[in-house]
């Protein structure tokens, strides 16, 4: 129980920031490209309560943490309502709206990495805020990679749909009602002990971390 309380304390703020800015970024991008639906419904907000889904954001992650000993976590926030028909150039702009969420997570991972490097000069690796910064990096990179998985209704699926020729995009978009089950299949079907989804998430997350570490190299040298 103590381990669970400590884990919740460390991850609570990074997770709230991650889902809030992810969804708010979708709403902001949609408004920028011509669809004010999310803005009018109050979803272009940094208030986490606006984006939390009690089932997907709280109950599912806790249940999975307890049932797998922390080895596997999955959850989601309330999707931001987007009327793609109101975008000025629906096919092009829908890709930018979809990309805005993962881009927000990548930016947050960068900010947490900077904080982690700065704190590392003053505190030990087990200090609470160091653990929180590390959690912020992991959570945001995981969300970045997961949401880019190219199956609708995930952001990666919407991006791929917008890039495909119209004929193929129409056919591919038909997957969306079953997309959640496709993702679950990739989560629970394993090769050995490794979920199939990890073969996407792992490399994308590692590549993103390498890019962020390269960006922060000057700061690393300054802090040495």
C-alpha atoms as a PDB file:
ATOM      1  CA  UNK A   1       0.000   0.000   0.000  1.00  0.00           C
ATOM      2  CA  UNK A   2       2.857   2.383   0.826  1.00  0.00           C
ATOM      3  CA  UNK A   3       4.377   1.713  -2.596  1.00  0.00           C
ATOM      4  CA  UNK A   4       1.049   2.526  -4.262  1.00  0.00           C
ATOM      5  CA  UNK A   5       0.706   5.788  -2.305  1.00  0.00           C
ATOM      6  CA  UNK A   6       4.259   6.810  -3.228  1.00  0.00           C
ATOM      7  CA  UNK A   7       3.682   5.942  -6.897  1.00  0.00           C
ATOM      8  CA  UNK A   8       0.438   7.957  -6.998  1.00  0.00           C
ATOM      9  CA  UNK A   9       2.158  10.924  -5.313  1.00  0.00           C
ATOM     10  CA  UNK A  10       5.032  10.860  -7.810  1.00  0.00           C
ATOM     11  CA  UNK A  11       2.924  10.340 -10.940  1.00  0.00           C
ATOM     12  CA  UNK A  12      -0.230  12.350 -10.134  1.00  0.00           C
ATOM     13  CA  UNK A  13       1.008  15.778 -11.223  1.00  0.00           C
ATOM     14  CA  UNK A  14       2.864  14.600 -14.366  1.00  0.00           C
ATOM     15  CA  UNK A  15      -0.165  12.568 -15.495  1.00  0.00           C
ATOM     16  CA  UNK A  16      -2.584  15.459 -14.893  1.00  0.00           C
ATOM     17  CA  UNK A  17      -0.343  17.863 -16.802  1.00  0.00           C
ATOM     18  CA  UNK A  18       0.176  15.336 -19.597  1.00  0.00           C
ATOM     19  CA  UNK A  19      -3.504  14.640 -20.298  1.00  0.00           C
ATOM     20  CA  UNK A  20      -4.616  18.248 -19.728  1.00  0.00           C
ATOM     21  CA  UNK A  21      -2.140  19.867 -22.095  1.00  0.00           C
ATOM     22  CA  UNK A  22      -2.594  17.070 -24.644  1.00  0.00           C
ATOM     23  CA  UNK A  23      -6.344  17.641 -24.880  1.00  0.00           C
ATOM     24  CA  UNK A  24      -6.099  21.437 -24.594  1.00  0.00           C
ATOM     25  CA  UNK A  25      -3.590  21.408 -27.479  1.00  0.00           C
ATOM     26  CA  UNK A  26      -6.112  19.556 -29.659  1.00  0.00           C
ATOM     27  CA  UNK A  27      -8.757  22.150 -28.765  1.00  0.00           C
ATOM     28  CA  UNK A  28      -6.435  25.092 -29.440  1.00  0.00           C
ATOM     29  CA  UNK A  29      -5.325  23.689 -32.799  1.00  0.00           C
ATOM     30  CA  UNK A  30      -8.932  23.022 -33.832  1.00  0.00           C
ATOM     31  CA  UNK A  31      -9.914  26.613 -33.004  1.00  0.00           C
ATOM     32  CA  UNK A  32      -6.842  27.951 -34.815  1.00  0.00           C
ATOM     33  CA  UNK A  33      -7.780  26.024 -37.963  1.00  0.00           C
ATOM     34  CA  UNK A  34     -11.429  27.077 -37.895  1.00  0.00           C
ATOM     35  CA  UNK A  35     -13.419  24.763 -35.585  1.00  0.00           C
ATOM     36  CA  UNK A  36     -14.491  26.469 -32.314  1.00  0.00           C
ATOM     37  CA  UNK A  37     -16.507  23.451 -31.056  1.00  0.00           C
ATOM     38  CA  UNK A  38     -14.128  22.447 -28.260  1.00  0.00           C
ATOM     39  CA  UNK A  39     -13.549  26.076 -27.296  1.00  0.00           C
ATOM     40  CA  UNK A  40     -17.289  26.742 -27.030  1.00  0.00           C
ATOM     41  CA  UNK A  41     -17.705  23.623 -24.854  1.00  0.00           C
ATOM     42  CA  UNK A  42     -14.977  24.782 -22.471  1.00  0.00           C
ATOM     43  CA  UNK A  43     -12.442  22.131 -23.492  1.00  0.00           C
ATOM     44  CA  UNK A  44      -9.695  24.592 -24.471  1.00  0.00           C
ATOM     45  CA  UNK A  45      -8.805  24.685 -20.800  1.00  0.00           C
ATOM     46  CA  UNK A  46      -5.876  23.891 -18.509  1.00  0.00           C
ATOM     47  CA  UNK A  47      -8.320  22.717 -15.838  1.00  0.00           C
ATOM     48  CA  UNK A  48      -7.713  18.934 -15.508  1.00  0.00           C
ATOM     49  CA  UNK A  49     -11.298  18.342 -14.370  1.00  0.00           C
ATOM     50  CA  UNK A  50     -12.492  19.333 -17.852  1.00  0.00           C
ATOM     51  CA  UNK A  51     -10.532  16.461 -19.403  1.00  0.00           C
ATOM     52  CA  UNK A  52     -10.619  13.667 -16.813  1.00  0.00           C
ATOM     53  CA  UNK A  53     -12.690  10.603 -17.627  1.00  0.00           C
ATOM     54  CA  UNK A  54     -13.423   8.863 -14.275  1.00  0.00           C
ATOM     55  CA  UNK A  55     -13.273   5.435 -15.869  1.00  0.00           C
ATOM     56  CA  UNK A  56     -10.418   5.860 -18.342  1.00  0.00           C
ATOM     57  CA  UNK A  57      -8.226   8.281 -16.395  1.00  0.00           C
ATOM     58  CA  UNK A  58      -8.617   6.930 -12.861  1.00  0.00           C
ATOM     59  CA  UNK A  59     -10.234   3.496 -12.526  1.00  0.00           C
ATOM     60  CA  UNK A  60      -8.540   1.670 -15.415  1.00  0.00           C
ATOM     61  CA  UNK A  61      -4.959   2.800 -14.606  1.00  0.00           C
ATOM     62  CA  UNK A  62      -5.347   1.972 -10.895  1.00  0.00           C
ATOM     63  CA  UNK A  63      -6.907  -1.428 -11.630  1.00  0.00           C
ATOM     64  CA  UNK A  64      -4.155  -2.293 -14.106  1.00  0.00           C
ATOM     65  CA  UNK A  65      -1.447  -1.115 -11.721  1.00  0.00           C
ATOM     66  CA  UNK A  66      -2.796  -3.292  -8.936  1.00  0.00           C
ATOM     67  CA  UNK A  67      -3.433  -6.322 -11.131  1.00  0.00           C
ATOM     68  CA  UNK A  68      -0.044  -6.256 -12.890  1.00  0.00           C
ATOM     69  CA  UNK A  69       2.128  -5.016 -10.040  1.00  0.00           C
ATOM     70  CA  UNK A  70       2.840  -1.805 -11.904  1.00  0.00           C
ATOM     71  CA  UNK A  71       4.204  -3.598 -14.970  1.00  0.00           C
ATOM     72  CA  UNK A  72       1.477  -2.334 -17.282  1.00  0.00           C
ATOM     73  CA  UNK A  73      -0.517   0.908 -17.366  1.00  0.00           C
ATOM     74  CA  UNK A  74      -3.100   2.194 -19.809  1.00  0.00           C
ATOM     75  CA  UNK A  75      -5.668   4.971 -19.661  1.00  0.00           C
ATOM     76  CA  UNK A  76      -7.265   7.819 -21.563  1.00  0.00           C
ATOM     77  CA  UNK A  77      -8.909  11.220 -21.129  1.00  0.00           C
ATOM     78  CA  UNK A  78     -12.205  12.495 -22.505  1.00  0.00           C
ATOM     79  CA  UNK A  79     -11.687  13.077 -26.239  1.00  0.00           C
ATOM     80  CA  UNK A  80     -11.914  16.690 -27.357  1.00  0.00           C
ATOM     81  CA  UNK A  81     -14.966  17.157 -29.647  1.00  0.00           C
ATOM     82  CA  UNK A  82     -13.802  18.166 -33.124  1.00  0.00           C
ATOM     83  CA  UNK A  83     -16.077  19.033 -36.042  1.00  0.00           C
ATOM     84  CA  UNK A  84     -13.672  18.316 -38.887  1.00  0.00           C
ATOM     85  CA  UNK A  85     -16.124  19.747 -41.403  1.00  0.00           C
ATOM     86  CA  UNK A  86     -15.606  23.213 -39.915  1.00  0.00           C
ATOM     87  CA  UNK A  87     -11.844  23.176 -40.433  1.00  0.00           C
ATOM     88  CA  UNK A  88     -10.771  25.467 -43.260  1.00  0.00           C
ATOM     89  CA  UNK A  89      -9.032  22.625 -45.131  1.00  0.00           C
ATOM     90  CA  UNK A  90     -10.385  19.502 -43.427  1.00  0.00           C
ATOM     91  CA  UNK A  91      -7.922  16.934 -44.813  1.00  0.00           C
ATOM     92  CA  UNK A  92      -4.822  19.005 -44.181  1.00  0.00           C
ATOM     93  CA  UNK A  93      -5.914  20.666 -40.947  1.00  0.00           C
ATOM     94  CA  UNK A  94      -7.156  17.460 -39.314  1.00  0.00           C
ATOM     95  CA  UNK A  95      -3.555  16.209 -39.390  1.00  0.00           C
ATOM     96  CA  UNK A  96      -2.329  19.325 -37.576  1.00  0.00           C
ATOM     97  CA  UNK A  97      -5.123  19.068 -35.006  1.00  0.00           C
ATOM     98  CA  UNK A  98      -4.257  15.417 -34.366  1.00  0.00           C
ATOM     99  CA  UNK A  99      -0.529  16.152 -34.185  1.00  0.00           C
ATOM    100  CA  UNK A 100      -1.026  18.943 -31.636  1.00  0.00           C
ATOM    101  CA  UNK A 101      -1.665  16.500 -28.765  1.00  0.00           C
ATOM    102  CA  UNK A 102       1.481  14.371 -29.160  1.00  0.00           C
ATOM    103  CA  UNK A 103       3.491  17.536 -29.861  1.00  0.00           C
ATOM    104  CA  UNK A 104       2.338  18.932 -26.506  1.00  0.00           C
ATOM    105  CA  UNK A 105       3.491  15.726 -24.791  1.00  0.00           C
ATOM    106  CA  UNK A 106       6.885  15.913 -26.510  1.00  0.00           C
ATOM    107  CA  UNK A 107       7.289  19.519 -25.381  1.00  0.00           C
ATOM    108  CA  UNK A 108       6.338  18.601 -21.802  1.00  0.00           C
ATOM    109  CA  UNK A 109       8.830  15.728 -21.852  1.00  0.00           C
ATOM    110  CA  UNK A 110      11.490  18.262 -22.847  1.00  0.00           C
ATOM    111  CA  UNK A 111      10.535  20.557 -19.955  1.00  0.00           C
ATOM    112  CA  UNK A 112      10.602  17.676 -17.460  1.00  0.00           C
ATOM    113  CA  UNK A 113      13.993  16.586 -18.824  1.00  0.00           C
ATOM    114  CA  UNK A 114      15.405  20.081 -18.321  1.00  0.00           C
ATOM    115  CA  UNK A 115      14.037  20.101 -14.761  1.00  0.00           C
ATOM    116  CA  UNK A 116      15.498  16.626 -14.147  1.00  0.00           C
ATOM    117  CA  UNK A 117      18.949  17.735 -15.296  1.00  0.00           C
ATOM    118  CA  UNK A 118      18.859  20.906 -13.201  1.00  0.00           C
ATOM    119  CA  UNK A 119      17.633  19.136 -10.069  1.00  0.00           C
ATOM    120  CA  UNK A 120      20.264  16.452 -10.550  1.00  0.00           C
ATOM    121  CA  UNK A 121      22.922  18.999  -9.672  1.00  0.00           C
ATOM    122  CA  UNK A 122      21.417  19.647  -6.249  1.00  0.00           C
ATOM    123  CA  UNK A 123      19.589  16.495  -5.125  1.00  0.00           C
ATOM    124  CA  UNK A 124      20.138  12.753  -5.093  1.00  0.00           C
ATOM    125  CA  UNK A 125      18.484  10.489  -7.654  1.00  0.00           C
ATOM    126  CA  UNK A 126      15.835   9.360  -5.146  1.00  0.00           C
ATOM    127  CA  UNK A 127      14.752  12.845  -4.084  1.00  0.00           C
ATOM    128  CA  UNK A 128      10.986  13.274  -4.515  1.00  0.00           C
ATOM    129  CA  UNK A 129      11.097  16.003  -7.154  1.00  0.00           C
ATOM    130  CA  UNK A 130      13.723  14.092  -9.132  1.00  0.00           C
ATOM    131  CA  UNK A 131      11.394  11.099  -9.170  1.00  0.00           C
ATOM    132  CA  UNK A 132       8.516  13.333 -10.266  1.00  0.00           C
ATOM    133  CA  UNK A 133      10.577  14.857 -13.082  1.00  0.00           C
ATOM    134  CA  UNK A 134      11.606  11.381 -14.224  1.00  0.00           C
ATOM    135  CA  UNK A 135       7.937  10.324 -14.133  1.00  0.00           C
ATOM    136  CA  UNK A 136       7.061  13.378 -16.228  1.00  0.00           C
ATOM    137  CA  UNK A 137       9.559  12.334 -18.894  1.00  0.00           C
ATOM    138  CA  UNK A 138       8.330   8.721 -18.947  1.00  0.00           C
ATOM    139  CA  UNK A 139       4.609   9.569 -18.943  1.00  0.00           C
ATOM    140  CA  UNK A 140       4.825  12.142 -21.719  1.00  0.00           C
ATOM    141  CA  UNK A 141       7.062  10.048 -23.945  1.00  0.00           C
ATOM    142  CA  UNK A 142       4.750   7.062 -23.453  1.00  0.00           C
ATOM    143  CA  UNK A 143       1.704   9.168 -24.383  1.00  0.00           C
ATOM    144  CA  UNK A 144       3.582  10.672 -27.326  1.00  0.00           C
ATOM    145  CA  UNK A 145       4.474   7.258 -28.732  1.00  0.00           C
ATOM    146  CA  UNK A 146       1.157   5.586 -27.921  1.00  0.00           C
ATOM    147  CA  UNK A 147      -0.976   8.313 -29.480  1.00  0.00           C
ATOM    148  CA  UNK A 148       1.061   8.202 -32.689  1.00  0.00           C
ATOM    149  CA  UNK A 149       0.164   4.526 -33.176  1.00  0.00           C
ATOM    150  CA  UNK A 150      -1.374   4.626 -36.692  1.00  0.00           C
ATOM    151  CA  UNK A 151      -4.847   3.290 -35.921  1.00  0.00           C
ATOM    152  CA  UNK A 152      -7.884   5.585 -35.705  1.00  0.00           C
ATOM    153  CA  UNK A 153      -9.210   7.065 -33.485  1.00  0.00           C
ATOM    154  CA  UNK A 154      -5.691   7.546 -32.063  1.00  0.00           C
ATOM    155  CA  UNK A 155      -3.898  10.660 -33.283  1.00  0.00           C
ATOM    156  CA  UNK A 156      -1.532   8.632 -35.451  1.00  0.00           C
ATOM    157  CA  UNK A 157      -4.498   7.062 -37.205  1.00  0.00           C
ATOM    158  CA  UNK A 158      -6.047  10.459 -37.929  1.00  0.00           C
ATOM    159  CA  UNK A 159      -2.723  11.759 -39.244  1.00  0.00           C
ATOM    160  CA  UNK A 160      -2.343   8.742 -41.534  1.00  0.00           C
ATOM    161  CA  UNK A 161      -5.932   9.127 -42.737  1.00  0.00           C
ATOM    162  CA  UNK A 162      -5.279  12.726 -43.744  1.00  0.00           C
ATOM    163  CA  UNK A 163      -2.114  11.760 -45.629  1.00  0.00           C
ATOM    164  CA  UNK A 164      -3.578   8.856 -47.607  1.00  0.00           C
ATOM    165  CA  UNK A 165      -5.174   9.421 -51.031  1.00  0.00           C
ATOM    166  CA  UNK A 166      -8.894  10.073 -50.682  1.00  0.00           C
ATOM    167  CA  UNK A 167      -9.933   6.609 -51.878  1.00  0.00           C
ATOM    168  CA  UNK A 168      -7.720   4.813 -49.371  1.00  0.00           C
ATOM    169  CA  UNK A 169      -8.364   7.334 -46.599  1.00  0.00           C
ATOM    170  CA  UNK A 170     -12.090   6.614 -46.815  1.00  0.00           C
ATOM    171  CA  UNK A 171     -11.508   2.875 -46.513  1.00  0.00           C
ATOM    172  CA  UNK A 172      -8.965   3.257 -43.703  1.00  0.00           C
ATOM    173  CA  UNK A 173     -11.299   5.544 -41.731  1.00  0.00           C
ATOM    174  CA  UNK A 174     -13.818   2.694 -41.547  1.00  0.00           C
ATOM    175  CA  UNK A 175     -11.531   1.069 -38.976  1.00  0.00           C
ATOM    176  CA  UNK A 176     -12.303   3.802 -36.410  1.00  0.00           C
ATOM    177  CA  UNK A 177     -15.335   2.141 -34.724  1.00  0.00           C
ATOM    178  CA  UNK A 178     -13.142  -0.906 -34.079  1.00  0.00           C
ATOM    179  CA  UNK A 179      -9.923   0.968 -33.371  1.00  0.00           C
ATOM    180  CA  UNK A 180     -10.182   0.634 -29.596  1.00  0.00           C
ATOM    181  CA  UNK A 181     -10.417  -3.152 -29.913  1.00  0.00           C
ATOM    182  CA  UNK A 182      -7.462  -3.205 -32.313  1.00  0.00           C
ATOM    183  CA  UNK A 183      -5.390  -1.300 -29.747  1.00  0.00           C
ATOM    184  CA  UNK A 184      -6.489  -3.654 -26.964  1.00  0.00           C
ATOM    185  CA  UNK A 185      -5.468  -6.616 -29.111  1.00  0.00           C
ATOM    186  CA  UNK A 186      -2.013  -5.109 -29.592  1.00  0.00           C
ATOM    187  CA  UNK A 187      -1.827  -4.523 -25.833  1.00  0.00           C
ATOM    188  CA  UNK A 188      -2.799  -8.014 -24.706  1.00  0.00           C
ATOM    189  CA  UNK A 189      -1.371 -10.194 -27.501  1.00  0.00           C
ATOM    190  CA  UNK A 190       2.259 -10.866 -26.647  1.00  0.00           C
ATOM    191  CA  UNK A 191       5.394 -12.215 -28.218  1.00  0.00           C
ATOM    192  CA  UNK A 192       7.013 -13.868 -25.245  1.00  0.00           C
ATOM    193  CA  UNK A 193       6.303 -11.456 -22.405  1.00  0.00           C
ATOM    194  CA  UNK A 194       6.270  -8.367 -24.642  1.00  0.00           C
ATOM    195  CA  UNK A 195       2.952  -6.860 -25.848  1.00  0.00           C
ATOM    196  CA  UNK A 196       2.812  -6.307 -29.594  1.00  0.00           C
ATOM    197  CA  UNK A 197       2.178  -2.607 -29.024  1.00  0.00           C
ATOM    198  CA  UNK A 198       5.583  -2.264 -27.370  1.00  0.00           C
ATOM    199  CA  UNK A 199       7.255  -2.941 -30.717  1.00  0.00           C
ATOM    200  CA  UNK A 200       5.807   0.412 -31.792  1.00  0.00           C
ATOM    201  CA  UNK A 201       5.888   2.346 -28.514  1.00  0.00           C
ATOM    202  CA  UNK A 202       9.383   1.243 -27.481  1.00  0.00           C
ATOM    203  CA  UNK A 203      11.316   2.408 -30.580  1.00  0.00           C
ATOM    204  CA  UNK A 204       9.292   5.634 -30.984  1.00  0.00           C
ATOM    205  CA  UNK A 205       9.767   6.506 -27.311  1.00  0.00           C
ATOM    206  CA  UNK A 206      13.503   5.734 -27.450  1.00  0.00           C
ATOM    207  CA  UNK A 207      13.981   7.816 -30.598  1.00  0.00           C
ATOM    208  CA  UNK A 208      12.089  10.747 -29.056  1.00  0.00           C
ATOM    209  CA  UNK A 209      14.207  10.545 -25.899  1.00  0.00           C
ATOM    210  CA  UNK A 210      17.399  10.530 -27.994  1.00  0.00           C
ATOM    211  CA  UNK A 211      16.194  13.670 -29.801  1.00  0.00           C
ATOM    212  CA  UNK A 212      15.376  15.436 -26.510  1.00  0.00           C
ATOM    213  CA  UNK A 213      18.721  14.487 -24.992  1.00  0.00           C
ATOM    214  CA  UNK A 214      20.449  15.874 -28.068  1.00  0.00           C
ATOM    215  CA  UNK A 215      18.504  19.132 -27.729  1.00  0.00           C
ATOM    216  CA  UNK A 216      19.523  19.450 -24.075  1.00  0.00           C
ATOM    217  CA  UNK A 217      23.216  18.640 -24.668  1.00  0.00           C
ATOM    218  CA  UNK A 218      24.283  22.304 -24.224  1.00  0.00           C
ATOM    219  CA  UNK A 219      22.509  22.408 -20.855  1.00  0.00           C
ATOM    220  CA  UNK A 220      24.164  19.136 -19.834  1.00  0.00           C
ATOM    221  CA  UNK A 221      27.597  20.590 -20.572  1.00  0.00           C
ATOM    222  CA  UNK A 222      26.809  23.778 -18.640  1.00  0.00           C
ATOM    223  CA  UNK A 223      25.702  21.805 -15.590  1.00  0.00           C
ATOM    224  CA  UNK A 224      28.799  19.613 -15.450  1.00  0.00           C
END
